[in-house]
PDB file of N, CA and C in Angstrom:
ATOM      1  N   MET A   1      22.059  17.092 -34.922  1.00  0.00           N
ATOM      2  CA  MET A   1      22.579  18.169 -35.516  1.00  0.00           C
ATOM      3  C   MET A   1      22.832  18.222 -36.879  1.00  0.00           C
ATOM      4  N   LYS A   2      24.053  17.568 -37.000  1.00  0.00           N
ATOM      5  CA  LYS A   2      24.769  16.309 -37.716  1.00  0.00           C
ATOM      6  C   LYS A   2      23.731  16.017 -39.184  1.00  0.00           C
ATOM      7  N   ASP A   3      23.195  15.279 -38.734  1.00  0.00           N
ATOM      8  CA  ASP A   3      22.114  14.716 -39.458  1.00  0.00           C
ATOM      9  C   ASP A   3      21.153  15.656 -40.056  1.00  0.00           C
ATOM     10  N   ARG A   4      20.678  16.841 -39.771  1.00  0.00           N
ATOM     11  CA  ARG A   4      20.374  18.010 -40.644  1.00  0.00           C
ATOM     12  C   ARG A   4      20.817  18.763 -41.526  1.00  0.00           C
ATOM     13  N   GLN A   5      21.879  18.251 -41.207  1.00  0.00           N
ATOM     14  CA  GLN A   5      23.134  19.447 -42.317  1.00  0.00           C
ATOM     15  C   GLN A   5      23.035  20.520 -42.300  1.00  0.00           C
ATOM     16  N   LEU A   6      23.089  21.083 -40.933  1.00  0.00           N
ATOM     17  CA  LEU A   6      22.509  22.964 -41.230  1.00  0.00           C
ATOM     18  C   LEU A   6      23.779  23.786 -42.456  1.00  0.00           C
ATOM     19  N   PHE A   7      25.385  23.070 -41.834  1.00  0.00           N
ATOM     20  CA  PHE A   7      25.972  23.544 -42.203  1.00  0.00           C
ATOM     21  C   PHE A   7      26.511  23.424 -42.902  1.00  0.00           C
ATOM     22  N   LYS A   8      26.458  22.346 -44.788  1.00  0.00           N
ATOM     23  CA  LYS A   8      26.205  21.969 -45.734  1.00  0.00           C
ATOM     24  C   LYS A   8      26.853  22.916 -46.957  1.00  0.00           C
ATOM     25  N   LEU A   9      26.625  24.251 -47.038  1.00  0.00           N
ATOM     26  CA  LEU A   9      26.437  25.359 -48.067  1.00  0.00           C
ATOM     27  C   LEU A   9      27.751  25.270 -47.703  1.00  0.00           C
ATOM     28  N   LYS A  10      28.533  25.340 -48.158  1.00  0.00           N
ATOM     29  CA  LYS A  10      30.388  26.478 -48.370  1.00  0.00           C
ATOM     30  C   LYS A  10      30.655  27.079 -48.863  1.00  0.00           C
ATOM     31  N   LYS A  11      30.048  27.792 -49.729  1.00  0.00           N
ATOM     32  CA  LYS A  11      29.908  28.831 -50.527  1.00  0.00           C
ATOM     33  C   LYS A  11      28.162  30.000 -50.657  1.00  0.00           C
ATOM     34  N   PRO A  12      28.713  31.014 -51.289  1.00  0.00           N
ATOM     35  CA  PRO A  12      27.353  31.418 -51.482  1.00  0.00           C
ATOM     36  C   PRO A  12      26.248  31.286 -53.328  1.00  0.00           C
ATOM     37  N   CYS A  13      25.295  30.682 -52.918  1.00  0.00           N
ATOM     38  CA  CYS A  13      24.009  30.605 -53.898  1.00  0.00           C
ATOM     39  C   CYS A  13      24.437  31.473 -55.033  1.00  0.00           C
ATOM     40  N   ALA A  14      24.018  31.443 -56.676  1.00  0.00           N
ATOM     41  CA  ALA A  14      24.360  32.494 -57.582  1.00  0.00           C
ATOM     42  C   ALA A  14      23.807  33.508 -57.095  1.00  0.00           C
ATOM     43  N   ASN A  15      22.807  33.210 -56.530  1.00  0.00           N
ATOM     44  CA  ASN A  15      22.074  34.509 -56.175  1.00  0.00           C
ATOM     45  C   ASN A  15      22.401  35.264 -54.897  1.00  0.00           C
ATOM     46  N   CYS A  16      23.045  35.130 -54.194  1.00  0.00           N
ATOM     47  CA  CYS A  16      22.599  34.852 -52.974  1.00  0.00           C
ATOM     48  C   CYS A  16      22.717  36.662 -52.238  1.00  0.00           C
ATOM     49  N   PRO A  17      21.386  37.244 -51.137  1.00  0.00           N
ATOM     50  CA  PRO A  17      22.104  38.698 -51.646  1.00  0.00           C
ATOM     51  C   PRO A  17      23.157  39.021 -50.512  1.00  0.00           C
ATOM     52  N   PHE A  18      24.313  38.243 -49.949  1.00  0.00           N
ATOM     53  CA  PHE A  18      25.375  38.596 -49.312  1.00  0.00           C
ATOM     54  C   PHE A  18      26.719  38.800 -50.389  1.00  0.00           C
ATOM     55  N   ARG A  19      26.194  38.021 -51.597  1.00  0.00           N
ATOM     56  CA  ARG A  19      27.314  38.540 -53.025  1.00  0.00           C
ATOM     57  C   ARG A  19      27.560  39.710 -53.550  1.00  0.00           C
ATOM     58  N   ASN A  20      29.054  39.642 -53.443  1.00  0.00           N
ATOM     59  CA  ASN A  20      29.339  41.476 -53.861  1.00  0.00           C
ATOM     60  C   ASN A  20      29.284  41.746 -55.389  1.00  0.00           C
ATOM     61  N   ASP A  21      28.754  41.777 -56.234  1.00  0.00           N
ATOM     62  CA  ASP A  21      29.142  40.752 -57.675  1.00  0.00           C
ATOM     63  C   ASP A  21      27.487  41.521 -57.983  1.00  0.00           C
ATOM     64  N   ASP A  22      26.993  41.693 -59.355  1.00  0.00           N
ATOM     65  CA  ASP A  22      25.998  42.189 -59.563  1.00  0.00           C
ATOM     66  C   ASP A  22      25.074  41.211 -59.810  1.00  0.00           C
ATOM     67  N   GLN A  23      25.473  39.960 -59.076  1.00  0.00           N
ATOM     68  CA  GLN A  23      24.642  38.155 -59.193  1.00  0.00           C
ATOM     69  C   GLN A  23      23.776  38.140 -58.095  1.00  0.00           C
ATOM     70  N   ALA A  24      23.837  38.960 -57.252  1.00  0.00           N
ATOM     71  CA  ALA A  24      22.939  39.288 -55.764  1.00  0.00           C
ATOM     72  C   ALA A  24      21.979  40.042 -56.442  1.00  0.00           C
ATOM     73  N   ILE A  25      20.547  38.325 -55.751  1.00  0.00           N
ATOM     74  CA  ILE A  25      19.645  38.861 -55.457  1.00  0.00           C
ATOM     75  C   ILE A  25      18.887  40.478 -55.066  1.00  0.00           C
ATOM     76  N   GLU A  26      18.244  40.990 -56.178  1.00  0.00           N
ATOM     77  CA  GLU A  26      17.494  41.930 -55.943  1.00  0.00           C
ATOM     78  C   GLU A  26      16.255  42.495 -54.625  1.00  0.00           C
ATOM     79  N   LEU A  27      16.814  42.892 -53.383  1.00  0.00           N
ATOM     80  CA  LEU A  27      16.012  42.646 -52.853  1.00  0.00           C
ATOM     81  C   LEU A  27      14.685  44.253 -52.066  1.00  0.00           C
ATOM     82  N   ALA A  28      14.108  43.965 -51.436  1.00  0.00           N
ATOM     83  CA  ALA A  28      13.139  45.052 -51.592  1.00  0.00           C
ATOM     84  C   ALA A  28      14.034  46.603 -51.038  1.00  0.00           C
ATOM     85  N   PRO A  29      13.864  47.351 -51.048  1.00  0.00           N
ATOM     86  CA  PRO A  29      14.883  48.464 -50.593  1.00  0.00           C
ATOM     87  C   PRO A  29      14.881  48.462 -48.953  1.00  0.00           C
ATOM     88  N   GLY A  30      15.657  48.995 -47.930  1.00  0.00           N
ATOM     89  CA  GLY A  30      16.243  48.237 -46.714  1.00  0.00           C
ATOM     90  C   GLY A  30      15.906  46.826 -46.334  1.00  0.00           C
ATOM     91  N   ARG A  31      15.607  45.850 -47.487  1.00  0.00           N
ATOM     92  CA  ARG A  31      15.302  45.023 -46.577  1.00  0.00           C
ATOM     93  C   ARG A  31      17.104  44.355 -46.357  1.00  0.00           C
ATOM     94  N   LEU A  32      18.173  43.829 -47.249  1.00  0.00           N
ATOM     95  CA  LEU A  32      18.806  43.411 -46.841  1.00  0.00           C
ATOM     96  C   LEU A  32      19.585  44.415 -45.830  1.00  0.00           C
ATOM     97  N   GLU A  33      19.291  45.630 -45.501  1.00  0.00           N
ATOM     98  CA  GLU A  33      20.188  46.491 -44.106  1.00  0.00           C
ATOM     99  C   GLU A  33      19.239  45.899 -42.913  1.00  0.00           C
ATOM    100  N   ASP A  34      18.234  45.871 -43.021  1.00  0.00           N
ATOM    101  CA  ASP A  34      17.536  45.123 -42.080  1.00  0.00           C
ATOM    102  C   ASP A  34      17.984  43.817 -41.388  1.00  0.00           C
ATOM    103  N   ILE A  35      18.346  42.979 -42.534  1.00  0.00           N
ATOM    104  CA  ILE A  35      18.525  41.246 -41.744  1.00  0.00           C
ATOM    105  C   ILE A  35      19.850  41.347 -41.586  1.00  0.00           C
ATOM    106  N   ALA A  36      20.975  41.921 -42.165  1.00  0.00           N
ATOM    107  CA  ALA A  36      22.302  42.667 -41.548  1.00  0.00           C
ATOM    108  C   ALA A  36      21.693  43.229 -40.618  1.00  0.00           C
ATOM    109  N   SER A  37      21.013  43.553 -40.035  1.00  0.00           N
ATOM    110  CA  SER A  37      21.533  44.613 -39.090  1.00  0.00           C
ATOM    111  C   SER A  37      21.232  43.373 -37.157  1.00  0.00           C
ATOM    112  N   GLU A  38      19.932  42.336 -38.371  1.00  0.00           N
ATOM    113  CA  GLU A  38      19.294  41.434 -37.000  1.00  0.00           C
ATOM    114  C   GLU A  38      20.247  40.362 -37.171  1.00  0.00           C
ATOM    115  N   ILE A  39      21.191  39.945 -38.474  1.00  0.00           N
ATOM    116  CA  ILE A  39      21.940  38.546 -37.523  1.00  0.00           C
ATOM    117  C   ILE A  39      23.271  40.018 -36.803  1.00  0.00           C
ATOM    118  N   THR A  40      23.483  40.591 -37.120  1.00  0.00           N
ATOM    119  CA  THR A  40      24.818  41.075 -36.154  1.00  0.00           C
ATOM    120  C   THR A  40      24.631  41.104 -34.954  1.00  0.00           C
ATOM    121  N   SER A  41      23.288  41.468 -34.514  1.00  0.00           N
ATOM    122  CA  SER A  41      22.702  42.196 -33.575  1.00  0.00           C
ATOM    123  C   SER A  41      22.913  40.797 -32.412  1.00  0.00           C
ATOM    124  N   GLY A  42      24.001  41.424 -30.637  1.00  0.00           N
ATOM    125  CA  GLY A  42      23.298  40.184 -29.546  1.00  0.00           C
ATOM    126  C   GLY A  42      24.501  38.944 -30.241  1.00  0.00           C
ATOM    127  N   ASP A  43      24.201  37.747 -30.221  1.00  0.00           N
ATOM    128  CA  ASP A  43      25.134  36.858 -30.630  1.00  0.00           C
ATOM    129  C   ASP A  43      24.717  36.316 -31.868  1.00  0.00           C
ATOM    130  N   GLY A  44      23.806  37.140 -32.679  1.00  0.00           N
ATOM    131  CA  GLY A  44      23.076  36.601 -33.902  1.00  0.00           C
ATOM    132  C   GLY A  44      22.671  35.885 -33.594  1.00  0.00           C
ATOM    133  N   LYS A  45      21.919  35.873 -34.608  1.00  0.00           N
ATOM    134  CA  LYS A  45      20.657  34.587 -35.448  1.00  0.00           C
ATOM    135  C   LYS A  45      21.398  33.863 -37.477  1.00  0.00           C
ATOM    136  N   ALA A  46      21.660  32.266 -37.066  1.00  0.00           N
ATOM    137  CA  ALA A  46      21.796  31.825 -37.762  1.00  0.00           C
ATOM    138  C   ALA A  46      20.470  32.230 -38.595  1.00  0.00           C
ATOM    139  N   PHE A  47      20.618  33.056 -39.982  1.00  0.00           N
ATOM    140  CA  PHE A  47      20.202  33.236 -41.635  1.00  0.00           C
ATOM    141  C   PHE A  47      20.226  31.795 -42.284  1.00  0.00           C
ATOM    142  N   PHE A  48      19.186  31.073 -42.940  1.00  0.00           N
ATOM    143  CA  PHE A  48      19.069  29.802 -43.418  1.00  0.00           C
ATOM    144  C   PHE A  48      19.153  30.297 -45.103  1.00  0.00           C
ATOM    145  N   CYS A  49      19.705  29.351 -45.763  1.00  0.00           N
ATOM    146  CA  CYS A  49      19.307  29.889 -47.147  1.00  0.00           C
ATOM    147  C   CYS A  49      18.512  29.654 -47.836  1.00  0.00           C
ATOM    148  N   HIS A  50      17.697  30.542 -48.897  1.00  0.00           N
ATOM    149  CA  HIS A  50      16.119  31.122 -49.086  1.00  0.00           C
ATOM    150  C   HIS A  50      16.483  29.881 -50.082  1.00  0.00           C
ATOM    151  N   LYS A  51      17.454  29.233 -50.602  1.00  0.00           N
ATOM    152  CA  LYS A  51      17.101  28.018 -51.460  1.00  0.00           C
ATOM    153  C   LYS A  51      16.317  26.809 -50.782  1.00  0.00           C
ATOM    154  N   THR A  52      16.873  26.309 -49.641  1.00  0.00           N
ATOM    155  CA  THR A  52      17.183  25.407 -49.013  1.00  0.00           C
ATOM    156  C   THR A  52      15.471  25.644 -47.597  1.00  0.00           C
ATOM    157  N   LEU A  53      14.617  26.392 -47.828  1.00  0.00           N
ATOM    158  CA  LEU A  53      13.200  26.973 -46.542  1.00  0.00           C
ATOM    159  C   LEU A  53      12.268  25.569 -46.954  1.00  0.00           C
ATOM    160  N   SER A  54      12.432  24.942 -45.488  1.00  0.00           N
ATOM    161  CA  SER A  54      11.501  23.921 -45.897  1.00  0.00           C
ATOM    162  C   SER A  54      10.488  23.989 -44.599  1.00  0.00           C
ATOM    163  N   GLY A  55      10.530  25.133 -44.396  1.00  0.00           N
ATOM    164  CA  GLY A  55       9.758  25.499 -42.383  1.00  0.00           C
ATOM    165  C   GLY A  55       8.578  25.689 -42.535  1.00  0.00           C
ATOM    166  N   GLU A  56       7.835  26.277 -41.425  1.00  0.00           N
ATOM    167  CA  GLU A  56       6.888  26.946 -41.364  1.00  0.00           C
ATOM    168  C   GLU A  56       6.807  27.986 -40.436  1.00  0.00           C
ATOM    169  N   ARG A  57       6.170  29.121 -41.560  1.00  0.00           N
ATOM    170  CA  ARG A  57       6.229  30.468 -40.993  1.00  0.00           C
ATOM    171  C   ARG A  57       4.603  30.910 -39.735  1.00  0.00           C
ATOM    172  N   ASP A  58       5.555  32.041 -38.736  1.00  0.00           N
ATOM    173  CA  ASP A  58       4.240  31.441 -38.177  1.00  0.00           C
ATOM    174  C   ASP A  58       4.090  32.983 -37.879  1.00  0.00           C
ATOM    175  N   ASP A  59       3.062  33.932 -38.239  1.00  0.00           N
ATOM    176  CA  ASP A  59       3.330  34.934 -38.198  1.00  0.00           C
ATOM    177  C   ASP A  59       2.644  36.013 -37.160  1.00  0.00           C
ATOM    178  N   GLU A  60       1.535  34.975 -36.282  1.00  0.00           N
ATOM    179  CA  GLU A  60       1.118  35.376 -34.927  1.00  0.00           C
ATOM    180  C   GLU A  60       1.729  35.925 -34.246  1.00  0.00           C
ATOM    181  N   TYR A  61       3.249  34.833 -33.537  1.00  0.00           N
ATOM    182  CA  TYR A  61       4.389  35.287 -32.973  1.00  0.00           C
ATOM    183  C   TYR A  61       5.474  36.109 -33.997  1.00  0.00           C
ATOM    184  N   GLU A  62       5.161  37.785 -33.440  1.00  0.00           N
ATOM    185  CA  GLU A  62       6.720  38.525 -34.197  1.00  0.00           C
ATOM    186  C   GLU A  62       7.944  37.901 -34.097  1.00  0.00           C
ATOM    187  N   GLU A  63       7.824  38.088 -32.972  1.00  0.00           N
ATOM    188  CA  GLU A  63       9.869  38.018 -32.911  1.00  0.00           C
ATOM    189  C   GLU A  63      10.383  36.507 -33.868  1.00  0.00           C
ATOM    190  N   GLU A  64       9.377  34.779 -33.490  1.00  0.00           N
ATOM    191  CA  GLU A  64       9.942  34.160 -34.247  1.00  0.00           C
ATOM    192  C   GLU A  64       9.351  34.412 -35.339  1.00  0.00           C
ATOM    193  N   GLY A  65       8.839  33.592 -36.025  1.00  0.00           N
ATOM    194  CA  GLY A  65       8.087  34.039 -37.424  1.00  0.00           C
ATOM    195  C   GLY A  65       8.297  32.833 -37.886  1.00  0.00           C
ATOM    196  N   TYR A  66       9.829  31.654 -38.109  1.00  0.00           N
ATOM    197  CA  TYR A  66      10.072  31.089 -39.275  1.00  0.00           C
ATOM    198  C   TYR A  66      11.122  29.989 -38.295  1.00  0.00           C
ATOM    199  N   TYR A  67       9.758  28.915 -37.836  1.00  0.00           N
ATOM    200  CA  TYR A  67      10.502  28.273 -37.358  1.00  0.00           C
ATOM    201  C   TYR A  67      11.055  26.444 -38.271  1.00  0.00           C
ATOM    202  N   PRO A  68      12.784  26.470 -39.000  1.00  0.00           N
ATOM    203  CA  PRO A  68      13.215  25.592 -39.601  1.00  0.00           C
ATOM    204  C   PRO A  68      13.020  24.663 -40.261  1.00  0.00           C
ATOM    205  N   GLY A  69      13.053  24.485 -40.817  1.00  0.00           N
ATOM    206  CA  GLY A  69      12.732  22.455 -41.248  1.00  0.00           C
ATOM    207  C   GLY A  69      14.154  22.351 -41.531  1.00  0.00           C
ATOM    208  N   GLU A  70      13.568  20.636 -42.083  1.00  0.00           N
ATOM    209  CA  GLU A  70      14.497  19.702 -41.926  1.00  0.00           C
ATOM    210  C   GLU A  70      15.473  19.575 -42.909  1.00  0.00           C
ATOM    211  N   LYS A  71      15.437  20.094 -44.191  1.00  0.00           N
ATOM    212  CA  LYS A  71      16.419  20.967 -45.689  1.00  0.00           C
ATOM    213  C   LYS A  71      16.964  21.786 -44.844  1.00  0.00           C
ATOM    214  N   ASP A  72      16.607  23.073 -44.044  1.00  0.00           N
ATOM    215  CA  ASP A  72      17.142  24.312 -44.306  1.00  0.00           C
ATOM    216  C   ASP A  72      18.686  24.038 -43.781  1.00  0.00           C
ATOM    217  N   ALA A  73      19.494  25.054 -44.809  1.00  0.00           N
ATOM    218  CA  ALA A  73      20.802  24.537 -44.639  1.00  0.00           C
ATOM    219  C   ALA A  73      20.949  26.469 -43.798  1.00  0.00           C
ATOM    220  N   VAL A  74      22.229  27.147 -43.138  1.00  0.00           N
ATOM    221  CA  VAL A  74      22.273  27.902 -42.867  1.00  0.00           C
ATOM    222  C   VAL A  74      22.864  28.153 -43.971  1.00  0.00           C
ATOM    223  N   CYS A  75      22.995  29.730 -44.540  1.00  0.00           N
ATOM    224  CA  CYS A  75      23.316  30.539 -45.332  1.00  0.00           C
ATOM    225  C   CYS A  75      24.882  30.756 -45.814  1.00  0.00           C
ATOM    226  N   ALA A  76      25.337  30.642 -46.749  1.00  0.00           N
ATOM    227  CA  ALA A  76      27.222  30.517 -46.622  1.00  0.00           C
ATOM    228  C   ALA A  76      27.628  32.004 -46.418  1.00  0.00           C
ATOM    229  N   GLY A  77      26.847  32.743 -47.150  1.00  0.00           N
ATOM    230  CA  GLY A  77      27.121  33.741 -47.225  1.00  0.00           C
ATOM    231  C   GLY A  77      26.633  35.129 -46.372  1.00  0.00           C
ATOM    232  N   ALA A  78      25.777  34.962 -45.675  1.00  0.00           N
ATOM    233  CA  ALA A  78      25.088  35.200 -44.569  1.00  0.00           C
ATOM    234  C   ALA A  78      26.403  35.247 -43.504  1.00  0.00           C
ATOM    235  N   LEU A  79      26.168  33.719 -43.536  1.00  0.00           N
ATOM    236  CA  LEU A  79      27.683  33.403 -42.353  1.00  0.00           C
ATOM    237  C   LEU A  79      28.949  33.533 -42.097  1.00  0.00           C
ATOM    238  N   ALA A  80      29.446  33.976 -43.672  1.00  0.00           N
ATOM    239  CA  ALA A  80      30.791  34.501 -43.979  1.00  0.00           C
ATOM    240  C   ALA A  80      30.414  36.082 -43.524  1.00  0.00           C
ATOM    241  N   PHE A  81      29.685  36.162 -43.523  1.00  0.00           N
ATOM    242  CA  PHE A  81      29.094  38.280 -43.584  1.00  0.00           C
ATOM    243  C   PHE A  81      29.159  38.573 -41.589  1.00  0.00           C
ATOM    244  N   GLN A  82      28.616  36.934 -41.745  1.00  0.00           N
ATOM    245  CA  GLN A  82      28.314  37.273 -39.803  1.00  0.00           C
ATOM    246  C   GLN A  82      30.231  37.897 -38.844  1.00  0.00           C
ATOM    247  N   ILE A  83      30.954  36.168 -39.577  1.00  0.00           N
ATOM    248  CA  ILE A  83      32.130  36.279 -39.252  1.00  0.00           C
ATOM    249  C   ILE A  83      32.939  37.732 -39.800  1.00  0.00           C
ATOM    250  N   LYS A  84      33.408  37.842 -41.179  1.00  0.00           N
ATOM    251  CA  LYS A  84      33.731  39.198 -41.371  1.00  0.00           C
ATOM    252  C   LYS A  84      33.351  40.381 -40.361  1.00  0.00           C
ATOM    253  N   HIS A  85      31.904  40.693 -39.679  1.00  0.00           N
ATOM    254  CA  HIS A  85      31.476  41.346 -39.364  1.00  0.00           C
ATOM    255  C   HIS A  85      32.353  41.185 -37.723  1.00  0.00           C
ATOM    256  N   GLY A  86      32.126  39.977 -37.028  1.00  0.00           N
ATOM    257  CA  GLY A  86      32.267  39.479 -36.026  1.00  0.00           C
ATOM    258  C   GLY A  86      31.628  38.979 -34.742  1.00  0.00           C
ATOM    259  N   ARG A  87      30.558  38.326 -35.501  1.00  0.00           N
ATOM    260  CA  ARG A  87      29.068  37.912 -35.007  1.00  0.00           C
ATOM    261  C   ARG A  87      28.747  36.723 -35.110  1.00  0.00           C
ATOM    262  N   ILE A  88      29.171  36.089 -35.010  1.00  0.00           N
ATOM    263  CA  ILE A  88      29.191  34.472 -34.981  1.00  0.00           C
ATOM    264  C   ILE A  88      27.792  33.637 -34.316  1.00  0.00           C
ATOM    265  N   PRO A  89      26.776  33.523 -34.997  1.00  0.00           N
ATOM    266  CA  PRO A  89      25.843  32.295 -34.217  1.00  0.00           C
ATOM    267  C   PRO A  89      26.939  31.655 -33.134  1.00  0.00           C
ATOM    268  N   ILE A  90      25.400  31.987 -32.544  1.00  0.00           N
ATOM    269  CA  ILE A  90      25.943  30.691 -30.799  1.00  0.00           C
ATOM    270  C   ILE A  90      26.056  28.519 -31.619  1.00  0.00           C
ATOM    271  N   VAL A  91      25.369  29.026 -32.889  1.00  0.00           N
ATOM    272  CA  VAL A  91      24.655  27.558 -33.339  1.00  0.00           C
ATOM    273  C   VAL A  91      26.014  27.383 -35.042  1.00  0.00           C
ATOM    274  N   ALA A  92      27.236  28.288 -34.700  1.00  0.00           N
ATOM    275  CA  ALA A  92      28.021  28.239 -35.706  1.00  0.00           C
ATOM    276  C   ALA A  92      28.720  28.177 -35.118  1.00  0.00           C
ATOM    277  N   ARG A  93      28.892  28.803 -33.818  1.00  0.00           N
ATOM    278  CA  ARG A  93      30.558  28.757 -32.343  1.00  0.00           C
ATOM    279  C   ARG A  93      30.509  27.090 -32.373  1.00  0.00           C
ATOM    280  N   PHE A  94      29.242  26.665 -32.007  1.00  0.00           N
ATOM    281  CA  PHE A  94      29.456  24.844 -31.763  1.00  0.00           C
ATOM    282  C   PHE A  94      29.580  24.356 -32.675  1.00  0.00           C
ATOM    283  N   ALA A  95      29.188  24.884 -34.264  1.00  0.00           N
ATOM    284  CA  ALA A  95      30.072  24.103 -34.614  1.00  0.00           C
ATOM    285  C   ALA A  95      30.817  23.603 -35.347  1.00  0.00           C
ATOM    286  N   PHE A  96      31.773  25.472 -35.049  1.00  0.00           N
ATOM    287  CA  PHE A  96      33.095  24.938 -35.431  1.00  0.00           C
ATOM    288  C   PHE A  96      34.230  24.707 -34.055  1.00  0.00           C
ATOM    289  N   MET A  97      33.246  23.798 -33.292  1.00  0.00           N
ATOM    290  CA  MET A  97      34.150  23.526 -31.595  1.00  0.00           C
ATOM    291  C   MET A  97      34.210  22.595 -32.178  1.00  0.00           C
ATOM    292  N   THR A  98      32.638  21.801 -32.502  1.00  0.00           N
ATOM    293  CA  THR A  98      33.455  20.722 -32.406  1.00  0.00           C
ATOM    294  C   THR A  98      32.997  19.943 -33.695  1.00  0.00           C
ATOM    295  N   GLY A  99      33.782  20.101 -34.733  1.00  0.00           N
ATOM    296  CA  GLY A  99      33.985  19.834 -36.393  1.00  0.00           C
ATOM    297  C   GLY A  99      33.107  19.834 -36.622  1.00  0.00           C
ATOM    298  N   GLU A 100      31.821  20.219 -36.977  1.00  0.00           N
ATOM    299  CA  GLU A 100      30.749  20.192 -38.074  1.00  0.00           C
ATOM    300  C   GLU A 100      31.372  21.024 -38.896  1.00  0.00           C
ATOM    301  N   ALA A 101      31.864  22.240 -38.757  1.00  0.00           N
ATOM    302  CA  ALA A 101      32.108  23.181 -40.208  1.00  0.00           C
ATOM    303  C   ALA A 101      33.937  23.641 -39.250  1.00  0.00           C
ATOM    304  N   LYS A 102      34.187  24.623 -40.587  1.00  0.00           N
ATOM    305  CA  LYS A 102      35.266  25.035 -40.370  1.00  0.00           C
ATOM    306  C   LYS A 102      35.306  26.735 -40.932  1.00  0.00           C
ATOM    307  N   VAL A 103      35.899  27.266 -39.619  1.00  0.00           N
ATOM    308  CA  VAL A 103      35.295  28.926 -40.066  1.00  0.00           C
ATOM    309  C   VAL A 103      36.317  29.087 -40.839  1.00  0.00           C
ATOM    310  N   GLU A 104      37.417  28.419 -41.546  1.00  0.00           N
ATOM    311  CA  GLU A 104      38.031  28.726 -42.886  1.00  0.00           C
ATOM    312  C   GLU A 104      37.632  28.872 -44.102  1.00  0.00           C
ATOM    313  N   ASP A 105      36.763  27.597 -43.944  1.00  0.00           N
ATOM    314  CA  ASP A 105      35.875  28.206 -44.980  1.00  0.00           C
ATOM    315  C   ASP A 105      34.669  29.060 -45.509  1.00  0.00           C
ATOM    316  N   TYR A 106      34.998  29.713 -43.840  1.00  0.00           N
ATOM    317  CA  TYR A 106      33.783  30.823 -44.486  1.00  0.00           C
ATOM    318  C   TYR A 106      34.695  32.156 -44.905  1.00  0.00           C
ATOM    319  N   GLU A 107      35.648  32.398 -43.798  1.00  0.00           N
ATOM    320  CA  GLU A 107      36.783  33.130 -44.578  1.00  0.00           C
ATOM    321  C   GLU A 107      37.101  33.330 -45.459  1.00  0.00           C
ATOM    322  N   ALA A 108      37.337  32.074 -45.775  1.00  0.00           N
ATOM    323  CA  ALA A 108      37.851  31.482 -48.004  1.00  0.00           C
ATOM    324  C   ALA A 108      37.260  32.728 -48.822  1.00  0.00           C
ATOM    325  N   LEU A 109      35.423  33.191 -47.698  1.00  0.00           N
ATOM    326  CA  LEU A 109      34.817  33.442 -49.065  1.00  0.00           C
ATOM    327  C   LEU A 109      34.464  35.507 -48.665  1.00  0.00           C
ATOM    328  N   PHE A 110      35.639  35.586 -48.104  1.00  0.00           N
ATOM    329  CA  PHE A 110      35.460  37.105 -47.365  1.00  0.00           C
ATOM    330  C   PHE A 110      35.204  37.645 -49.064  1.00  0.00           C
ATOM    331  N   ASP A 111      35.995  37.755 -49.540  1.00  0.00           N
ATOM    332  CA  ASP A 111      36.884  38.839 -50.932  1.00  0.00           C
ATOM    333  C   ASP A 111      35.248  38.650 -52.462  1.00  0.00           C
ATOM    334  N   ARG A 112      34.079  38.010 -51.685  1.00  0.00           N
ATOM    335  CA  ARG A 112      33.000  37.553 -53.205  1.00  0.00           C
ATOM    336  C   ARG A 112      31.796  38.048 -51.584  1.00  0.00           C
ATOM    337  N   ILE A 113      31.963  38.358 -50.451  1.00  0.00           N
ATOM    338  CA  ILE A 113      30.646  38.809 -49.756  1.00  0.00           C
ATOM    339  C   ILE A 113      30.732  40.433 -49.377  1.00  0.00           C
ATOM    340  N   ILE A 114      29.865  41.393 -49.218  1.00  0.00           N
ATOM    341  CA  ILE A 114      29.042  42.534 -48.634  1.00  0.00           C
ATOM    342  C   ILE A 114      30.288  42.689 -47.799  1.00  0.00           C
ATOM    343  N   SER A 115      31.265  43.749 -47.585  1.00  0.00           N
ATOM    344  CA  SER A 115      31.470  43.986 -46.309  1.00  0.00           C
ATOM    345  C   SER A 115      30.265  44.517 -45.358  1.00  0.00           C
ATOM    346  N   PRO A 116      30.481  44.856 -44.198  1.00  0.00           N
ATOM    347  CA  PRO A 116      29.187  44.839 -42.421  1.00  0.00           C
ATOM    348  C   PRO A 116      29.202  46.595 -43.187  1.00  0.00           C
ATOM    349  N   GLU A 117      30.502  47.352 -43.407  1.00  0.00           N
ATOM    350  CA  GLU A 117      30.022  48.835 -43.723  1.00  0.00           C
ATOM    351  C   GLU A 117      29.479  49.123 -44.831  1.00  0.00           C
ATOM    352  N   ASP A 118      29.103  48.279 -45.733  1.00  0.00           N
ATOM    353  CA  ASP A 118      28.140  48.311 -46.541  1.00  0.00           C
ATOM    354  C   ASP A 118      27.032  48.129 -46.138  1.00  0.00           C
ATOM    355  N   VAL A 119      26.301  48.444 -45.204  1.00  0.00           N
ATOM    356  CA  VAL A 119      24.283  47.406 -45.126  1.00  0.00           C
ATOM    357  C   VAL A 119      24.298  47.850 -43.867  1.00  0.00           C
ATOM    358  N   LEU A 120      25.873  48.358 -42.606  1.00  0.00           N
ATOM    359  CA  LEU A 120      25.372  48.312 -41.235  1.00  0.00           C
ATOM    360  C   LEU A 120      25.438  50.501 -40.639  1.00  0.00           C
TER     361      LEU A 120
END
């Protein structure tokens, strides 16, 4: 996992949809709410930064849909959002336990990230 650098992003990108300012990319109506709901349900899913996507889509299997590639990195904005909501994905919990990532890095982003009550 370390070789893949899943947690190399420490801040949201310039147009991260989880930003709480006017720089956030505008998604189709309802899309951000759908993503927020998906990544905060159950144990949550890791959400990959749109600028790092290198995997493959497979729409034949609706539940999976996307298989991460070697360059994919967890979206710092999405992870901060998940932590803010109290729903940390298992892969992030493991990274925090092993020292691959620090929860404090993402908590420091809270004032720049949308609040769960804004979209859930």
